[in-house]
Amino acid sequence: MGLLSNRVDRSSLKPGDHIYSWRTAYVYAHHGIYVGDNKVVHFTRRGQEVGTGTVLDILLVSSGPARSHIQCPICVPPEEGHGVVSSCLNCFLAGGILYRFEYSVSPALFIAKARGGTCTLAVSDPDDDVIHRAKYLLDNGFGCYNVFNNNCEDFAIYCKTGLLVLDQSPMGRSGQAVSIVGGPLAAVVSTPLRIVTTNVYGMAATAVVVYCASRYATDIGMRGDVIKVPVEDLTKRLATGMLQVLEPSLQALPVPAS
């Protein structure tokens, strides 16, 4: 664990750890909770970590887990896995490298790790609470998968902290979702400043500042629109419709006018 990488050895894992692995081309990482006995509880959408229902899926398709031609004797086939599932560590990693998500990091370290989805300012709960939430949600579900506001990182962060966003805003707890949106947004926001800053390096620096500020403000440890929700209450809210996370519907791409 360090400034440049959160990579860890398997021997250092302990039950309750929030782990992740980058997929092909480091476009997207898949997150889960290690519960011991070589098992990981994680949230997925039919074995995939994409599913926006938009053209963005084309960009994210390379982040899908690698498919082995040899069926694992322990795990459910990826095409049958849906929602919260339990997999062996090898199937979870899908040939990738093992990393551990960091909690209670300092603001300086958080900003230094510019890529979202690797750490948070929030404090983790005790490991026993984390494992209880993960196993409870394995039996009771975590709603519909949505890459922007209810994804695998959101699941793992909830298991670790018990924190839930109140206002059902378009963005959930996920740091990497904020990064996907935050980069282009920072560029757009900083563009009007070209009137003041004609130097391309100055504009780039402004975009970086805007991006870092957006990541910091939307981190689960800094947001003011979150509350601690017991896992039993969470599943009741999902069951009664008091909390709704809708799976994005597939939409046909518009056909250009001839």
C-alpha atoms as a PDB file:
ATOM      1  CA  MET A   1       0.000   0.000   0.000  1.00  0.00           C
ATOM      2  CA  GLY A   2       1.358   3.454  -0.837  1.00  0.00           C
ATOM      3  CA  LEU A   3       1.066   6.642  -2.775  1.00  0.00           C
ATOM      4  CA  LEU A   4       1.425   5.108  -6.216  1.00  0.00           C
ATOM      5  CA  SER A   5      -0.335   1.777  -5.806  1.00  0.00           C
ATOM      6  CA  ASN A   6      -2.714  -0.100  -3.494  1.00  0.00           C
ATOM      7  CA  ARG A   7      -1.468  -3.462  -4.736  1.00  0.00           C
ATOM      8  CA  VAL A   8      -1.314  -6.162  -2.050  1.00  0.00           C
ATOM      9  CA  ASP A   9      -0.388  -9.825  -1.743  1.00  0.00           C
ATOM     10  CA  ARG A  10      -3.062 -12.427  -1.136  1.00  0.00           C
ATOM     11  CA  SER A  11      -1.333 -13.443   2.075  1.00  0.00           C
ATOM     12  CA  SER A  12      -2.047  -9.998   3.563  1.00  0.00           C
ATOM     13  CA  LEU A  13      -5.824 -10.197   3.019  1.00  0.00           C
ATOM     14  CA  LYS A  14      -8.106 -10.369   6.019  1.00  0.00           C
ATOM     15  CA  PRO A  15     -11.894 -10.827   6.187  1.00  0.00           C
ATOM     16  CA  GLY A  16     -13.640  -7.475   5.843  1.00  0.00           C
ATOM     17  CA  ASP A  17     -11.175  -6.012   3.346  1.00  0.00           C
ATOM     18  CA  HIS A  18     -12.548  -3.969   0.447  1.00  0.00           C
ATOM     19  CA  ILE A  19     -10.612  -5.198  -2.577  1.00  0.00           C
ATOM     20  CA  TYR A  20     -10.655  -4.383  -6.274  1.00  0.00           C
ATOM     21  CA  SER A  21      -9.020  -5.325  -9.546  1.00  0.00           C
ATOM     22  CA  TRP A  22      -8.611  -3.242 -12.695  1.00  0.00           C
ATOM     23  CA  ARG A  23     -10.063  -4.735 -15.838  1.00  0.00           C
ATOM     24  CA  THR A  24      -8.658  -4.653 -19.359  1.00  0.00           C
ATOM     25  CA  ALA A  25      -6.844  -1.407 -20.240  1.00  0.00           C
ATOM     26  CA  TYR A  26      -7.463  -0.081 -16.697  1.00  0.00           C
ATOM     27  CA  VAL A  27     -10.730   1.483 -17.858  1.00  0.00           C
ATOM     28  CA  TYR A  28     -12.745   0.323 -14.861  1.00  0.00           C
ATOM     29  CA  ALA A  29     -12.160  -1.594 -11.630  1.00  0.00           C
ATOM     30  CA  HIS A  30     -14.369  -4.252 -10.098  1.00  0.00           C
ATOM     31  CA  HIS A  31     -14.855  -4.040  -6.306  1.00  0.00           C
ATOM     32  CA  GLY A  32     -15.907  -6.513  -3.633  1.00  0.00           C
ATOM     33  CA  ILE A  33     -15.631  -7.527   0.012  1.00  0.00           C
ATOM     34  CA  TYR A  34     -13.279 -10.341   0.987  1.00  0.00           C
ATOM     35  CA  VAL A  35     -15.109 -12.465   3.579  1.00  0.00           C
ATOM     36  CA  GLY A  36     -12.464 -15.118   4.185  1.00  0.00           C
ATOM     37  CA  ASP A  37     -12.005 -18.725   3.018  1.00  0.00           C
ATOM     38  CA  ASN A  38     -10.914 -17.446  -0.421  1.00  0.00           C
ATOM     39  CA  LYS A  39     -14.401 -15.977  -1.022  1.00  0.00           C
ATOM     40  CA  VAL A  40     -15.408 -12.510  -2.241  1.00  0.00           C
ATOM     41  CA  VAL A  41     -18.923 -11.058  -2.088  1.00  0.00           C
ATOM     42  CA  HIS A  42     -19.491  -8.540  -4.872  1.00  0.00           C
ATOM     43  CA  PHE A  43     -22.198  -6.796  -6.892  1.00  0.00           C
ATOM     44  CA  THR A  44     -22.456  -7.446 -10.612  1.00  0.00           C
ATOM     45  CA  ARG A  45     -24.747  -7.221 -13.609  1.00  0.00           C
ATOM     46  CA  ARG A  46     -24.815 -10.638 -15.280  1.00  0.00           C
ATOM     47  CA  GLY A  47     -21.076 -10.979 -14.829  1.00  0.00           C
ATOM     48  CA  GLN A  48     -20.383  -7.471 -16.165  1.00  0.00           C
ATOM     49  CA  GLU A  49     -19.528  -4.155 -14.560  1.00  0.00           C
ATOM     50  CA  VAL A  50     -21.095  -2.052 -17.299  1.00  0.00           C
ATOM     51  CA  GLY A  51     -24.742  -1.419 -18.079  1.00  0.00           C
ATOM     52  CA  THR A  52     -25.500   2.238 -18.592  1.00  0.00           C
ATOM     53  CA  GLY A  53     -27.841   1.472 -21.468  1.00  0.00           C
ATOM     54  CA  THR A  54     -26.105   4.180 -23.493  1.00  0.00           C
ATOM     55  CA  VAL A  55     -23.256   4.572 -25.942  1.00  0.00           C
ATOM     56  CA  LEU A  56     -20.920   4.739 -22.932  1.00  0.00           C
ATOM     57  CA  ASP A  57     -21.128   0.939 -22.776  1.00  0.00           C
ATOM     58  CA  ILE A  58     -19.032   0.796 -25.940  1.00  0.00           C
ATOM     59  CA  LEU A  59     -16.258   2.627 -24.103  1.00  0.00           C
ATOM     60  CA  LEU A  60     -16.540   0.482 -20.977  1.00  0.00           C
ATOM     61  CA  VAL A  61     -16.911  -2.914 -22.649  1.00  0.00           C
ATOM     62  CA  SER A  62     -13.204  -3.594 -22.331  1.00  0.00           C
ATOM     63  CA  SER A  63     -13.567  -3.435 -18.556  1.00  0.00           C
ATOM     64  CA  GLY A  64     -15.555  -6.664 -18.503  1.00  0.00           C
ATOM     65  CA  PRO A  65     -13.933  -9.564 -16.664  1.00  0.00           C
ATOM     66  CA  ALA A  66     -11.933 -12.048 -18.660  1.00  0.00           C
ATOM     67  CA  ARG A  67     -13.772 -15.232 -19.586  1.00  0.00           C
ATOM     68  CA  SER A  68     -12.124 -18.547 -18.926  1.00  0.00           C
ATOM     69  CA  HIS A  69     -12.924 -21.522 -21.110  1.00  0.00           C
ATOM     70  CA  ILE A  70     -12.660 -23.742 -18.025  1.00  0.00           C
ATOM     71  CA  GLN A  71     -15.702 -23.559 -15.765  1.00  0.00           C
ATOM     72  CA  CYS A  72     -14.839 -22.948 -12.109  1.00  0.00           C
ATOM     73  CA  PRO A  73     -16.196 -25.860 -10.020  1.00  0.00           C
ATOM     74  CA  ILE A  74     -16.977 -23.481  -7.132  1.00  0.00           C
ATOM     75  CA  CYS A  75     -18.550 -20.395  -8.644  1.00  0.00           C
ATOM     76  CA  VAL A  76     -21.769 -19.657 -10.515  1.00  0.00           C
ATOM     77  CA  PRO A  77     -21.200 -19.190 -14.287  1.00  0.00           C
ATOM     78  CA  PRO A  78     -20.709 -15.436 -15.010  1.00  0.00           C
ATOM     79  CA  GLU A  79     -23.668 -15.260 -17.394  1.00  0.00           C
ATOM     80  CA  GLU A  80     -25.911 -16.572 -14.597  1.00  0.00           C
ATOM     81  CA  GLY A  81     -24.528 -14.341 -11.858  1.00  0.00           C
ATOM     82  CA  HIS A  82     -26.712 -11.310 -11.196  1.00  0.00           C
ATOM     83  CA  GLY A  83     -26.901  -8.906  -8.293  1.00  0.00           C
ATOM     84  CA  VAL A  84     -24.903  -9.720  -5.172  1.00  0.00           C
ATOM     85  CA  VAL A  85     -22.907 -12.907  -5.696  1.00  0.00           C
ATOM     86  CA  SER A  86     -20.164 -14.871  -3.995  1.00  0.00           C
ATOM     87  CA  SER A  87     -17.114 -15.953  -5.980  1.00  0.00           C
ATOM     88  CA  CYS A  88     -13.723 -17.431  -5.284  1.00  0.00           C
ATOM     89  CA  LEU A  89     -10.877 -14.920  -5.311  1.00  0.00           C
ATOM     90  CA  ASN A  90      -9.549 -16.178  -8.656  1.00  0.00           C
ATOM     91  CA  CYS A  91     -12.881 -15.673 -10.418  1.00  0.00           C
ATOM     92  CA  PHE A  92     -13.313 -12.255  -8.836  1.00  0.00           C
ATOM     93  CA  LEU A  93      -9.892 -11.125 -10.049  1.00  0.00           C
ATOM     94  CA  ALA A  94     -10.539 -12.591 -13.528  1.00  0.00           C
ATOM     95  CA  GLY A  95      -6.822 -12.679 -14.231  1.00  0.00           C
ATOM     96  CA  GLY A  96      -6.227  -9.178 -12.842  1.00  0.00           C
ATOM     97  CA  ILE A  97      -4.038  -7.855 -10.037  1.00  0.00           C
ATOM     98  CA  LEU A  98      -5.257  -7.618  -6.445  1.00  0.00           C
ATOM     99  CA  TYR A  99      -5.593  -4.169  -4.823  1.00  0.00           C
ATOM    100  CA  ARG A 100      -6.981  -3.068  -1.458  1.00  0.00           C
ATOM    101  CA  PHE A 101      -9.176   0.036  -1.174  1.00  0.00           C
ATOM    102  CA  GLU A 102      -7.983   2.496   1.485  1.00  0.00           C
ATOM    103  CA  TYR A 103     -10.146   4.171   4.149  1.00  0.00           C
ATOM    104  CA  SER A 104      -9.508   7.146   6.457  1.00  0.00           C
ATOM    105  CA  VAL A 105      -6.882   8.603   4.130  1.00  0.00           C
ATOM    106  CA  SER A 106      -5.691  12.169   4.602  1.00  0.00           C
ATOM    107  CA  PRO A 107      -6.965  14.909   2.263  1.00  0.00           C
ATOM    108  CA  ALA A 108      -3.456  15.267   0.819  1.00  0.00           C
ATOM    109  CA  LEU A 109      -3.218  11.559  -0.011  1.00  0.00           C
ATOM    110  CA  PHE A 110      -6.749  11.548  -1.419  1.00  0.00           C
ATOM    111  CA  ILE A 111      -5.915  14.388  -3.822  1.00  0.00           C
ATOM    112  CA  ALA A 112      -2.556  12.825  -4.697  1.00  0.00           C
ATOM    113  CA  LYS A 113      -4.305   9.654  -5.865  1.00  0.00           C
ATOM    114  CA  ALA A 114      -5.959  11.364  -8.812  1.00  0.00           C
ATOM    115  CA  ARG A 115      -7.659   8.216 -10.120  1.00  0.00           C
ATOM    116  CA  GLY A 116     -10.973   7.730  -8.352  1.00  0.00           C
ATOM    117  CA  GLY A 117     -12.079   4.412  -6.894  1.00  0.00           C
ATOM    118  CA  THR A 118      -8.929   3.673  -4.877  1.00  0.00           C
ATOM    119  CA  CYS A 119      -9.465   5.385  -1.523  1.00  0.00           C
ATOM    120  CA  THR A 120     -11.827   7.500   0.582  1.00  0.00           C
ATOM    121  CA  LEU A 121     -11.770   9.939   3.465  1.00  0.00           C
ATOM    122  CA  ALA A 122     -14.538   7.942   5.167  1.00  0.00           C
ATOM    123  CA  VAL A 123     -13.894   5.741   8.186  1.00  0.00           C
ATOM    124  CA  SER A 124     -14.460   1.999   7.918  1.00  0.00           C
ATOM    125  CA  ASP A 125     -16.598   0.141  10.442  1.00  0.00           C
ATOM    126  CA  PRO A 126     -15.271  -2.922  12.306  1.00  0.00           C
ATOM    127  CA  ASP A 127     -14.623  -5.977  10.124  1.00  0.00           C
ATOM    128  CA  ASP A 128     -17.410  -7.998  11.757  1.00  0.00           C
ATOM    129  CA  ASP A 129     -19.967  -5.350  10.744  1.00  0.00           C
ATOM    130  CA  VAL A 130     -18.582  -5.256   7.205  1.00  0.00           C
ATOM    131  CA  ILE A 131     -18.830  -9.024   6.791  1.00  0.00           C
ATOM    132  CA  HIS A 132     -22.349  -9.075   8.262  1.00  0.00           C
ATOM    133  CA  ARG A 133     -23.554  -6.479   5.740  1.00  0.00           C
ATOM    134  CA  ALA A 134     -21.927  -8.281   2.812  1.00  0.00           C
ATOM    135  CA  LYS A 135     -23.424 -11.656   3.722  1.00  0.00           C
ATOM    136  CA  TYR A 136     -26.823 -10.161   4.511  1.00  0.00           C
ATOM    137  CA  LEU A 137     -26.943  -8.442   1.126  1.00  0.00           C
ATOM    138  CA  LEU A 138     -25.814 -11.676  -0.524  1.00  0.00           C
ATOM    139  CA  ASP A 139     -29.073 -13.199   0.707  1.00  0.00           C
ATOM    140  CA  ASN A 140     -31.310 -10.137   0.304  1.00  0.00           C
ATOM    141  CA  GLY A 141     -29.934  -8.111  -2.624  1.00  0.00           C
ATOM    142  CA  PHE A 142     -28.728  -4.547  -3.181  1.00  0.00           C
ATOM    143  CA  GLY A 143     -31.236  -3.293  -5.733  1.00  0.00           C
ATOM    144  CA  CYS A 144     -30.600  -2.967  -9.469  1.00  0.00           C
ATOM    145  CA  TYR A 145     -27.100  -2.461 -10.781  1.00  0.00           C
ATOM    146  CA  ASN A 146     -26.434   0.993 -12.211  1.00  0.00           C
ATOM    147  CA  VAL A 147     -22.949   2.028 -13.285  1.00  0.00           C
ATOM    148  CA  PHE A 148     -23.422   5.608 -12.075  1.00  0.00           C
ATOM    149  CA  ASN A 149     -25.311   5.420  -8.778  1.00  0.00           C
ATOM    150  CA  ASN A 150     -25.444   1.795  -7.637  1.00  0.00           C
ATOM    151  CA  ASN A 151     -22.401  -0.121  -8.786  1.00  0.00           C
ATOM    152  CA  CYS A 152     -19.885  -2.563  -7.348  1.00  0.00           C
ATOM    153  CA  GLU A 153     -17.872   0.174  -5.634  1.00  0.00           C
ATOM    154  CA  ASP A 154     -21.044   1.630  -4.096  1.00  0.00           C
ATOM    155  CA  PHE A 155     -21.842  -1.838  -2.735  1.00  0.00           C
ATOM    156  CA  ALA A 156     -18.398  -2.305  -1.192  1.00  0.00           C
ATOM    157  CA  ILE A 157     -18.365   1.204   0.316  1.00  0.00           C
ATOM    158  CA  TYR A 158     -21.793   0.634   1.875  1.00  0.00           C
ATOM    159  CA  CYS A 159     -20.610  -2.653   3.369  1.00  0.00           C
ATOM    160  CA  LYS A 160     -17.574  -0.899   4.853  1.00  0.00           C
ATOM    161  CA  THR A 161     -19.308   2.228   6.160  1.00  0.00           C
ATOM    162  CA  GLY A 162     -23.085   1.680   6.259  1.00  0.00           C
ATOM    163  CA  LEU A 163     -23.479   5.105   4.661  1.00  0.00           C
ATOM    164  CA  LEU A 164     -26.265   5.745   2.162  1.00  0.00           C
ATOM    165  CA  VAL A 165     -26.897   8.791  -0.016  1.00  0.00           C
ATOM    166  CA  LEU A 166     -30.190  10.420   0.954  1.00  0.00           C
ATOM    167  CA  ASP A 167     -31.310  12.451  -2.036  1.00  0.00           C
ATOM    168  CA  GLN A 168     -31.098   9.771  -4.759  1.00  0.00           C
ATOM    169  CA  SER A 169     -28.945  12.116  -6.846  1.00  0.00           C
ATOM    170  CA  PRO A 170     -27.585  10.935 -10.193  1.00  0.00           C
ATOM    171  CA  MET A 171     -24.245  10.171  -8.541  1.00  0.00           C
ATOM    172  CA  GLY A 172     -23.861   7.571  -5.819  1.00  0.00           C
ATOM    173  CA  ARG A 173     -20.915   6.867  -3.554  1.00  0.00           C
ATOM    174  CA  SER A 174     -18.579   5.606  -6.278  1.00  0.00           C
ATOM    175  CA  GLY A 175     -15.269   7.418  -6.701  1.00  0.00           C
ATOM    176  CA  GLN A 176     -14.575   5.955 -10.111  1.00  0.00           C
ATOM    177  CA  ALA A 177     -17.995   7.027 -11.446  1.00  0.00           C
ATOM    178  CA  VAL A 178     -17.198  10.562 -10.280  1.00  0.00           C
ATOM    179  CA  SER A 179     -13.868  10.325 -12.098  1.00  0.00           C
ATOM    180  CA  ILE A 180     -15.484   9.196 -15.351  1.00  0.00           C
ATOM    181  CA  VAL A 181     -17.814  12.194 -15.282  1.00  0.00           C
ATOM    182  CA  GLY A 182     -15.491  14.580 -13.479  1.00  0.00           C
ATOM    183  CA  GLY A 183     -12.695  14.652 -16.039  1.00  0.00           C
ATOM    184  CA  PRO A 184     -14.761  15.869 -19.004  1.00  0.00           C
ATOM    185  CA  LEU A 185     -16.818  18.107 -16.693  1.00  0.00           C
ATOM    186  CA  ALA A 186     -13.687  19.793 -15.396  1.00  0.00           C
ATOM    187  CA  ALA A 187     -12.557  20.454 -18.951  1.00  0.00           C
ATOM    188  CA  VAL A 188     -15.933  21.991 -19.826  1.00  0.00           C
ATOM    189  CA  VAL A 189     -16.075  24.140 -16.679  1.00  0.00           C
ATOM    190  CA  SER A 190     -12.549  25.428 -17.189  1.00  0.00           C
ATOM    191  CA  THR A 191     -13.075  26.256 -20.871  1.00  0.00           C
ATOM    192  CA  PRO A 192     -14.711  29.682 -20.264  1.00  0.00           C
ATOM    193  CA  LEU A 193     -11.581  30.684 -18.349  1.00  0.00           C
ATOM    194  CA  ARG A 194      -9.664  30.812 -21.615  1.00  0.00           C
ATOM    195  CA  ILE A 195     -10.700  34.479 -21.705  1.00  0.00           C
ATOM    196  CA  VAL A 196      -8.684  35.056 -18.537  1.00  0.00           C
ATOM    197  CA  THR A 197      -6.036  32.385 -19.036  1.00  0.00           C
ATOM    198  CA  THR A 198      -4.831  32.131 -22.611  1.00  0.00           C
ATOM    199  CA  ASN A 199      -1.909  29.909 -21.667  1.00  0.00           C
ATOM    200  CA  VAL A 200      -2.733  26.251 -22.377  1.00  0.00           C
ATOM    201  CA  TYR A 201      -0.823  25.146 -19.286  1.00  0.00           C
ATOM    202  CA  GLY A 202      -2.861  27.511 -17.133  1.00  0.00           C
ATOM    203  CA  MET A 203      -6.092  26.076 -18.516  1.00  0.00           C
ATOM    204  CA  ALA A 204      -4.855  22.542 -17.876  1.00  0.00           C
ATOM    205  CA  ALA A 205      -3.966  23.439 -14.302  1.00  0.00           C
ATOM    206  CA  THR A 206      -7.423  24.967 -13.810  1.00  0.00           C
ATOM    207  CA  ALA A 207      -9.089  21.809 -15.116  1.00  0.00           C
ATOM    208  CA  VAL A 208      -7.036  19.699 -12.699  1.00  0.00           C
ATOM    209  CA  VAL A 209      -8.066  21.911  -9.772  1.00  0.00           C
ATOM    210  CA  VAL A 210     -11.752  21.676 -10.742  1.00  0.00           C
ATOM    211  CA  TYR A 211     -11.468  17.888 -11.128  1.00  0.00           C
ATOM    212  CA  CYS A 212      -9.777  17.422  -7.737  1.00  0.00           C
ATOM    213  CA  ALA A 213     -12.291  19.703  -6.033  1.00  0.00           C
ATOM    214  CA  SER A 214     -15.219  17.737  -7.491  1.00  0.00           C
ATOM    215  CA  ARG A 215     -13.716  14.430  -6.325  1.00  0.00           C
ATOM    216  CA  TYR A 216     -13.094  15.798  -2.842  1.00  0.00           C
ATOM    217  CA  ALA A 217     -16.566  17.320  -2.461  1.00  0.00           C
ATOM    218  CA  THR A 218     -18.383  14.180  -3.634  1.00  0.00           C
ATOM    219  CA  ASP A 219     -16.378  11.688  -1.579  1.00  0.00           C
ATOM    220  CA  ILE A 220     -18.561   9.705   0.809  1.00  0.00           C
ATOM    221  CA  GLY A 221     -16.494  10.962   3.725  1.00  0.00           C
ATOM    222  CA  MET A 222     -17.213  14.621   2.883  1.00  0.00           C
ATOM    223  CA  ARG A 223     -20.814  14.616   1.670  1.00  0.00           C
ATOM    224  CA  GLY A 224     -23.525  16.050   3.873  1.00  0.00           C
ATOM    225  CA  ASP A 225     -26.365  14.131   2.227  1.00  0.00           C
ATOM    226  CA  VAL A 226     -25.570  10.715   3.708  1.00  0.00           C
ATOM    227  CA  ILE A 227     -26.900   8.814   6.703  1.00  0.00           C
ATOM    228  CA  LYS A 228     -25.987   5.588   8.473  1.00  0.00           C
ATOM    229  CA  VAL A 229     -28.529   2.936   7.492  1.00  0.00           C
ATOM    230  CA  PRO A 230     -28.612  -0.531   9.113  1.00  0.00           C
ATOM    231  CA  VAL A 231     -28.445  -3.236   6.460  1.00  0.00           C
ATOM    232  CA  GLU A 232     -31.766  -4.716   7.604  1.00  0.00           C
ATOM    233  CA  ASP A 233     -33.425  -1.313   7.145  1.00  0.00           C
ATOM    234  CA  LEU A 234     -31.815  -0.915   3.720  1.00  0.00           C
ATOM    235  CA  THR A 235     -33.349  -4.113   2.384  1.00  0.00           C
ATOM    236  CA  LYS A 236     -36.749  -3.140   3.847  1.00  0.00           C
ATOM    237  CA  ARG A 237     -36.578   0.178   2.002  1.00  0.00           C
ATOM    238  CA  LEU A 238     -35.746  -1.597  -1.239  1.00  0.00           C
ATOM    239  CA  ALA A 239     -38.576  -4.091  -0.730  1.00  0.00           C
ATOM    240  CA  THR A 240     -41.187  -1.428   0.029  1.00  0.00           C
ATOM    241  CA  GLY A 241     -40.082   0.958  -2.707  1.00  0.00           C
ATOM    242  CA  MET A 242     -38.963   3.664  -0.258  1.00  0.00           C
ATOM    243  CA  LEU A 243     -35.551   3.425  -1.892  1.00  0.00           C
ATOM    244  CA  GLN A 244     -35.441   2.807  -5.625  1.00  0.00           C
ATOM    245  CA  VAL A 245     -32.437   2.257  -7.848  1.00  0.00           C
ATOM    246  CA  LEU A 246     -33.605   1.525 -11.362  1.00  0.00           C
ATOM    247  CA  GLU A 247     -31.692  -0.523 -13.866  1.00  0.00           C
ATOM    248  CA  PRO A 248     -31.024   1.622 -16.952  1.00  0.00           C
ATOM    249  CA  SER A 249     -33.140   0.623 -19.924  1.00  0.00           C
ATOM    250  CA  LEU A 250     -31.391  -0.058 -23.180  1.00  0.00           C
ATOM    251  CA  GLN A 251     -31.961   2.737 -25.638  1.00  0.00           C
ATOM    252  CA  ALA A 252     -31.377   2.610 -29.335  1.00  0.00           C
ATOM    253  CA  LEU A 253     -28.776   5.022 -30.628  1.00  0.00           C
ATOM    254  CA  PRO A 254     -30.223   7.847 -32.786  1.00  0.00           C
ATOM    255  CA  VAL A 255     -29.861   7.400 -36.521  1.00  0.00           C
ATOM    256  CA  PRO A 256     -28.118  10.382 -38.151  1.00  0.00           C
ATOM    257  CA  ALA A 257     -30.266  12.263 -40.664  1.00  0.00           C
ATOM    258  CA  SER A 258     -29.258  11.664 -44.243  1.00  0.00           C
END
